[in-house]
């Protein structure tokens, strides 16, 4: 009986871990667009962590000092970019670019990072 409980706990632990993880890309390129125009572009480090549909967090550290944080609230499932409501574009866009637009603005952030 104790062996069955032990192996059940082990399987549960590893099956849960398989659904979560983090990735880091230190050779990404990040871009900021406003009104459809490229306003800023820089090399960046992208770190992304996710756990199925319950957790998502991505930090983009630009070489020019800018930092972008994209988070998903685990309760509401709403995504924010630096605290502002945002939406993601379907994956992948042209050349495997990932983009997020800020709701009710003409701002968009994109990266070619492989950490998604």
N, C-alpha and C. Protein backbone atom coordinates (compact mmCIF):
# COMPACT_ATOMS: atom_id res chain seq x y z
N UNK A 1 0.82 -1.19 0.00
CA UNK A 1 0.00 0.00 0.00
C UNK A 1 0.87 1.26 0.00
N UNK A 2 1.88 1.28 0.87
CA UNK A 2 2.74 2.46 0.94
C UNK A 2 3.52 2.66 -0.35
N UNK A 3 3.92 1.54 -1.01
CA UNK A 3 4.63 1.67 -2.28
C UNK A 3 3.74 2.30 -3.33
N UNK A 4 2.47 1.92 -3.36
CA UNK A 4 1.54 2.48 -4.34
C UNK A 4 1.37 3.98 -4.12
N UNK A 5 1.26 4.41 -2.88
CA UNK A 5 1.13 5.84 -2.58
C UNK A 5 2.41 6.56 -2.97
N UNK A 6 3.56 5.97 -2.64
CA UNK A 6 4.85 6.58 -2.98
C UNK A 6 4.97 6.79 -4.48
N UNK A 7 4.71 5.73 -5.27
CA UNK A 7 4.83 5.84 -6.73
C UNK A 7 3.78 6.77 -7.31
N UNK A 8 2.60 6.79 -6.70
CA UNK A 8 1.57 7.73 -7.14
C UNK A 8 2.02 9.17 -6.96
N UNK A 9 2.65 9.45 -5.82
CA UNK A 9 3.17 10.80 -5.57
C UNK A 9 4.30 11.14 -6.53
N UNK A 10 5.17 10.19 -6.78
CA UNK A 10 6.28 10.42 -7.72
C UNK A 10 5.73 10.71 -9.12
N UNK A 11 4.80 9.91 -9.59
CA UNK A 11 4.23 10.12 -10.92
C UNK A 11 3.52 11.46 -11.01
N UNK A 12 2.77 11.82 -9.96
CA UNK A 12 2.06 13.10 -9.94
C UNK A 12 3.06 14.25 -9.99
N UNK A 13 4.13 14.13 -9.23
CA UNK A 13 5.14 15.19 -9.19
C UNK A 13 5.77 15.39 -10.55
N UNK A 14 6.19 14.30 -11.20
CA UNK A 14 6.85 14.43 -12.49
C UNK A 14 5.88 14.79 -13.60
N UNK A 15 4.64 14.33 -13.53
CA UNK A 15 3.69 14.69 -14.58
C UNK A 15 3.35 16.16 -14.50
N UNK A 16 3.28 16.73 -13.30
CA UNK A 16 3.01 18.16 -13.16
C UNK A 16 4.20 18.98 -13.66
N UNK A 17 5.40 18.53 -13.36
CA UNK A 17 6.60 19.26 -13.77
C UNK A 17 6.74 19.27 -15.28
N UNK A 18 6.25 18.25 -15.95
CA UNK A 18 6.37 18.18 -17.39
C UNK A 18 5.53 19.24 -18.08
N UNK A 19 4.56 19.80 -17.38
CA UNK A 19 3.68 20.81 -17.97
C UNK A 19 4.17 22.23 -17.72
N UNK A 20 5.27 22.38 -17.02
CA UNK A 20 5.79 23.70 -16.67
C UNK A 20 7.26 23.79 -17.06
N UNK A 21 7.71 25.00 -17.29
CA UNK A 21 9.12 25.17 -17.59
C UNK A 21 9.46 26.60 -17.95
N UNK A 22 10.76 26.84 -18.08
CA UNK A 22 11.27 28.16 -18.44
C UNK A 22 12.27 28.01 -19.58
N UNK A 23 12.41 29.08 -20.35
CA UNK A 23 13.40 29.11 -21.43
C UNK A 23 14.03 30.50 -21.46
N UNK A 24 15.28 30.55 -21.88
CA UNK A 24 15.98 31.83 -21.97
C UNK A 24 16.67 31.92 -23.32
N UNK A 25 16.58 33.08 -23.93
CA UNK A 25 17.22 33.35 -25.22
C UNK A 25 18.04 34.62 -25.06
N UNK A 26 19.36 34.51 -25.12
CA UNK A 26 20.22 35.68 -24.92
C UNK A 26 20.63 36.33 -26.25
N UNK A 27 20.12 35.81 -27.36
CA UNK A 27 20.47 36.36 -28.66
C UNK A 27 19.25 36.82 -29.44
N UNK A 28 18.23 37.28 -28.74
CA UNK A 28 17.00 37.72 -29.39
C UNK A 28 17.11 39.16 -29.86
N UNK A 29 16.17 39.54 -30.70
CA UNK A 29 16.02 40.92 -31.16
C UNK A 29 14.62 41.37 -30.73
N UNK A 30 14.50 42.54 -30.11
CA UNK A 30 13.21 43.06 -29.68
C UNK A 30 12.91 44.36 -30.41
N UNK A 31 11.63 44.56 -30.72
CA UNK A 31 11.22 45.75 -31.47
C UNK A 31 10.00 46.38 -30.83
N UNK A 32 9.94 47.71 -30.89
CA UNK A 32 8.80 48.47 -30.39
C UNK A 32 8.22 49.28 -31.55
N UNK A 33 6.92 49.10 -31.79
CA UNK A 33 6.23 49.81 -32.86
C UNK A 33 5.16 50.71 -32.26
N UNK A 34 5.00 51.90 -32.85
CA UNK A 34 3.93 52.82 -32.47
C UNK A 34 3.35 53.37 -33.77
N UNK A 35 2.04 53.29 -33.88
CA UNK A 35 1.34 53.74 -35.10
C UNK A 35 1.89 53.05 -36.35
N UNK A 36 2.29 51.80 -36.20
CA UNK A 36 2.78 51.02 -37.33
C UNK A 36 4.22 51.31 -37.72
N UNK A 37 4.89 52.22 -37.03
CA UNK A 37 6.27 52.55 -37.34
C UNK A 37 7.22 51.96 -36.31
N UNK A 38 8.34 51.44 -36.78
CA UNK A 38 9.37 50.93 -35.88
C UNK A 38 9.99 52.12 -35.15
N UNK A 39 9.86 52.15 -33.83
CA UNK A 39 10.40 53.26 -33.03
C UNK A 39 11.70 52.88 -32.34
N UNK A 40 11.85 51.60 -32.02
CA UNK A 40 13.06 51.17 -31.31
C UNK A 40 13.30 49.69 -31.58
N UNK A 41 14.56 49.35 -31.72
CA UNK A 41 14.94 47.94 -31.92
C UNK A 41 16.28 47.72 -31.23
N UNK A 42 16.41 46.58 -30.58
CA UNK A 42 17.61 46.33 -29.79
C UNK A 42 17.80 44.83 -29.60
N UNK A 43 19.05 44.44 -29.40
CA UNK A 43 19.30 43.07 -28.94
C UNK A 43 18.68 42.94 -27.56
N UNK A 44 18.21 41.75 -27.22
CA UNK A 44 17.58 41.59 -25.91
C UNK A 44 17.71 40.15 -25.42
N UNK A 45 17.56 40.02 -24.11
CA UNK A 45 17.52 38.70 -23.48
C UNK A 45 16.08 38.44 -23.09
N UNK A 46 15.52 37.33 -23.54
CA UNK A 46 14.13 36.99 -23.26
C UNK A 46 14.09 35.75 -22.37
N UNK A 47 13.41 35.87 -21.25
CA UNK A 47 13.20 34.75 -20.34
C UNK A 47 11.70 34.54 -20.22
N UNK A 48 11.24 33.32 -20.49
CA UNK A 48 9.81 33.02 -20.46
C UNK A 48 9.58 31.77 -19.62
N UNK A 49 8.61 31.86 -18.72
CA UNK A 49 8.19 30.72 -17.90
C UNK A 49 6.69 30.52 -18.08
N UNK A 50 6.28 29.27 -18.16
CA UNK A 50 4.86 28.97 -18.32
C UNK A 50 4.54 27.62 -17.71
N UNK A 51 3.28 27.49 -17.30
CA UNK A 51 2.76 26.23 -16.77
C UNK A 51 1.37 26.03 -17.34
N UNK A 52 1.30 25.29 -18.42
CA UNK A 52 0.04 25.00 -19.12
C UNK A 52 -0.77 26.27 -19.28
N UNK A 53 -2.04 26.23 -18.85
CA UNK A 53 -2.91 27.40 -18.96
C UNK A 53 -3.01 28.17 -17.66
N UNK A 54 -2.13 27.88 -16.70
CA UNK A 54 -2.28 28.50 -15.39
C UNK A 54 -1.28 29.60 -15.10
N UNK A 55 -0.18 29.68 -15.84
CA UNK A 55 0.85 30.65 -15.51
C UNK A 55 1.65 31.00 -16.75
N UNK A 56 1.92 32.30 -16.92
CA UNK A 56 2.78 32.75 -18.01
C UNK A 56 3.47 34.03 -17.56
N UNK A 57 4.79 34.10 -17.75
CA UNK A 57 5.56 35.28 -17.41
C UNK A 57 6.74 35.36 -18.37
N UNK A 58 6.94 36.53 -18.96
CA UNK A 58 8.06 36.71 -19.88
C UNK A 58 8.70 38.07 -19.62
N UNK A 59 10.02 38.08 -19.50
CA UNK A 59 10.76 39.33 -19.32
C UNK A 59 11.68 39.52 -20.52
N UNK A 60 11.62 40.71 -21.10
CA UNK A 60 12.48 41.07 -22.22
C UNK A 60 13.42 42.17 -21.73
N UNK A 61 14.70 41.87 -21.60
CA UNK A 61 15.70 42.84 -21.14
C UNK A 61 16.48 43.35 -22.36
N UNK A 62 16.17 44.56 -22.75
CA UNK A 62 16.79 45.16 -23.93
C UNK A 62 18.21 45.63 -23.61
N UNK A 63 19.10 45.59 -24.60
CA UNK A 63 20.47 46.06 -24.39
C UNK A 63 20.52 47.57 -24.15
N UNK A 64 19.46 48.30 -24.54
CA UNK A 64 19.43 49.75 -24.31
C UNK A 64 18.87 50.11 -22.93
N UNK A 65 18.59 49.09 -22.10
CA UNK A 65 18.12 49.34 -20.74
C UNK A 65 16.63 49.17 -20.52
N UNK A 66 15.84 49.13 -21.57
CA UNK A 66 14.40 48.92 -21.42
C UNK A 66 14.11 47.51 -20.91
N UNK A 67 13.05 47.38 -20.14
CA UNK A 67 12.60 46.07 -19.66
C UNK A 67 11.11 45.96 -19.92
N UNK A 68 10.71 44.86 -20.52
CA UNK A 68 9.30 44.58 -20.79
C UNK A 68 8.92 43.34 -20.00
N UNK A 69 7.81 43.42 -19.25
CA UNK A 69 7.30 42.26 -18.51
C UNK A 69 5.90 41.93 -19.01
N UNK A 70 5.73 40.70 -19.43
CA UNK A 70 4.43 40.23 -19.89
C UNK A 70 3.99 39.14 -18.93
N UNK A 71 2.81 39.32 -18.35
CA UNK A 71 2.31 38.39 -17.33
C UNK A 71 0.88 37.99 -17.63
N UNK A 72 0.52 36.77 -17.23
CA UNK A 72 -0.86 36.34 -17.27
C UNK A 72 -1.34 36.11 -15.85
N UNK A 73 -2.45 36.74 -15.49
CA UNK A 73 -3.04 36.54 -14.17
C UNK A 73 -3.62 35.13 -14.12
N UNK A 74 -3.20 34.30 -13.17
CA UNK A 74 -3.67 32.91 -13.14
C UNK A 74 -5.17 32.78 -12.86
N UNK A 75 -5.77 33.77 -12.22
CA UNK A 75 -7.20 33.69 -11.91
C UNK A 75 -8.07 34.20 -13.06
N UNK A 76 -7.74 35.37 -13.59
CA UNK A 76 -8.57 35.98 -14.63
C UNK A 76 -8.14 35.60 -16.04
N UNK A 77 -6.92 35.07 -16.18
CA UNK A 77 -6.32 34.72 -17.48
C UNK A 77 -6.05 35.95 -18.34
N UNK A 78 -6.11 37.16 -17.74
CA UNK A 78 -5.81 38.38 -18.48
C UNK A 78 -4.29 38.56 -18.56
N UNK A 79 -3.83 39.02 -19.71
CA UNK A 79 -2.41 39.23 -19.94
C UNK A 79 -2.11 40.73 -19.91
N UNK A 80 -0.99 41.09 -19.27
CA UNK A 80 -0.58 42.49 -19.23
C UNK A 80 0.85 42.63 -19.73
N UNK A 81 1.14 43.79 -20.30
CA UNK A 81 2.47 44.15 -20.75
C UNK A 81 2.85 45.40 -19.96
N UNK A 82 3.83 45.28 -19.08
CA UNK A 82 4.21 46.36 -18.16
C UNK A 82 2.99 46.93 -17.44
N UNK A 83 2.09 46.04 -17.01
CA UNK A 83 0.92 46.43 -16.24
C UNK A 83 -0.28 46.88 -17.06
N UNK A 84 -0.14 46.99 -18.38
CA UNK A 84 -1.25 47.42 -19.25
C UNK A 84 -1.88 46.20 -19.91
N UNK A 85 -3.22 46.18 -20.04
CA UNK A 85 -3.87 45.05 -20.72
C UNK A 85 -3.30 44.86 -22.12
N UNK A 86 -3.06 43.61 -22.48
CA UNK A 86 -2.45 43.34 -23.78
C UNK A 86 -3.07 42.10 -24.41
N UNK A 87 -2.74 41.87 -25.64
CA UNK A 87 -3.19 40.67 -26.35
C UNK A 87 -2.02 40.17 -27.20
N UNK A 88 -1.97 38.87 -27.38
CA UNK A 88 -0.93 38.27 -28.20
C UNK A 88 -1.46 38.00 -29.59
N UNK A 89 -0.62 38.12 -30.58
CA UNK A 89 -0.98 37.79 -31.94
C UNK A 89 -0.82 36.28 -32.14
N UNK A 90 -1.55 35.70 -33.09
CA UNK A 90 -1.41 34.25 -33.34
C UNK A 90 0.04 33.89 -33.63
N UNK A 91 0.44 32.72 -33.14
CA UNK A 91 1.82 32.27 -33.35
C UNK A 91 1.93 31.38 -34.56
N UNK A 92 3.01 31.37 -35.25
CA UNK A 92 3.99 32.45 -35.31
C UNK A 92 3.60 33.43 -36.41
N UNK A 93 4.08 34.63 -36.32
CA UNK A 93 3.94 35.60 -37.40
C UNK A 93 5.10 35.39 -38.36
N UNK A 94 5.27 36.28 -39.29
CA UNK A 94 6.34 36.18 -40.28
C UNK A 94 7.70 35.99 -39.60
N UNK A 95 8.49 35.08 -40.10
CA UNK A 95 9.85 34.82 -39.60
C UNK A 95 9.87 34.45 -38.12
N UNK A 96 8.84 33.76 -37.65
CA UNK A 96 8.76 33.30 -36.26
C UNK A 96 8.80 34.45 -35.25
N UNK A 97 8.23 35.58 -35.59
CA UNK A 97 8.19 36.73 -34.68
C UNK A 97 6.96 36.61 -33.79
N UNK A 98 7.13 36.88 -32.50
CA UNK A 98 6.05 36.88 -31.52
C UNK A 98 5.76 38.34 -31.17
N UNK A 99 4.48 38.74 -31.23
CA UNK A 99 4.12 40.13 -30.95
C UNK A 99 2.99 40.22 -29.94
N UNK A 100 3.02 41.29 -29.15
CA UNK A 100 1.97 41.61 -28.20
C UNK A 100 1.57 43.06 -28.42
N UNK A 101 0.26 43.30 -28.53
CA UNK A 101 -0.26 44.65 -28.68
C UNK A 101 -0.88 45.11 -27.37
N UNK A 102 -0.75 46.42 -27.08
CA UNK A 102 -1.33 46.99 -25.87
C UNK A 102 -2.75 47.43 -26.21
N UNK A 103 -3.73 46.97 -25.42
CA UNK A 103 -5.15 47.26 -25.66
C UNK A 103 -5.39 48.77 -25.66
N UNK A 104 -6.23 49.22 -26.60
CA UNK A 104 -6.64 50.62 -26.73
C UNK A 104 -5.49 51.58 -27.00
N UNK A 105 -4.41 51.07 -27.59
CA UNK A 105 -3.30 51.93 -28.01
C UNK A 105 -2.85 51.46 -29.39
N UNK A 106 -1.91 52.18 -29.95
CA UNK A 106 -1.32 51.76 -31.22
C UNK A 106 0.11 51.27 -31.01
N UNK A 107 0.35 50.67 -29.83
CA UNK A 107 1.68 50.17 -29.47
C UNK A 107 1.76 48.65 -29.62
N UNK A 108 2.92 48.19 -30.05
CA UNK A 108 3.13 46.75 -30.21
C UNK A 108 4.60 46.44 -29.92
N UNK A 109 4.84 45.34 -29.21
CA UNK A 109 6.19 44.85 -28.93
C UNK A 109 6.35 43.50 -29.62
N UNK A 110 7.49 43.29 -30.25
CA UNK A 110 7.74 42.03 -30.95
C UNK A 110 9.14 41.52 -30.62
N UNK A 111 9.30 40.21 -30.73
CA UNK A 111 10.61 39.59 -30.58
C UNK A 111 10.71 38.36 -31.48
N UNK A 112 11.92 38.06 -31.88
CA UNK A 112 12.18 36.83 -32.64
C UNK A 112 12.70 35.73 -31.73
N UNK A 113 12.55 35.92 -30.43
CA UNK A 113 13.09 34.97 -29.45
C UNK A 113 12.54 33.57 -29.66
N UNK A 114 13.39 32.60 -29.40
CA UNK A 114 12.98 31.20 -29.45
C UNK A 114 12.52 30.71 -28.08
N UNK A 115 12.40 31.61 -27.11
CA UNK A 115 12.01 31.25 -25.74
C UNK A 115 10.49 31.28 -25.56
N UNK A 116 9.75 30.90 -26.60
CA UNK A 116 8.28 30.83 -26.50
C UNK A 116 7.82 29.44 -26.87
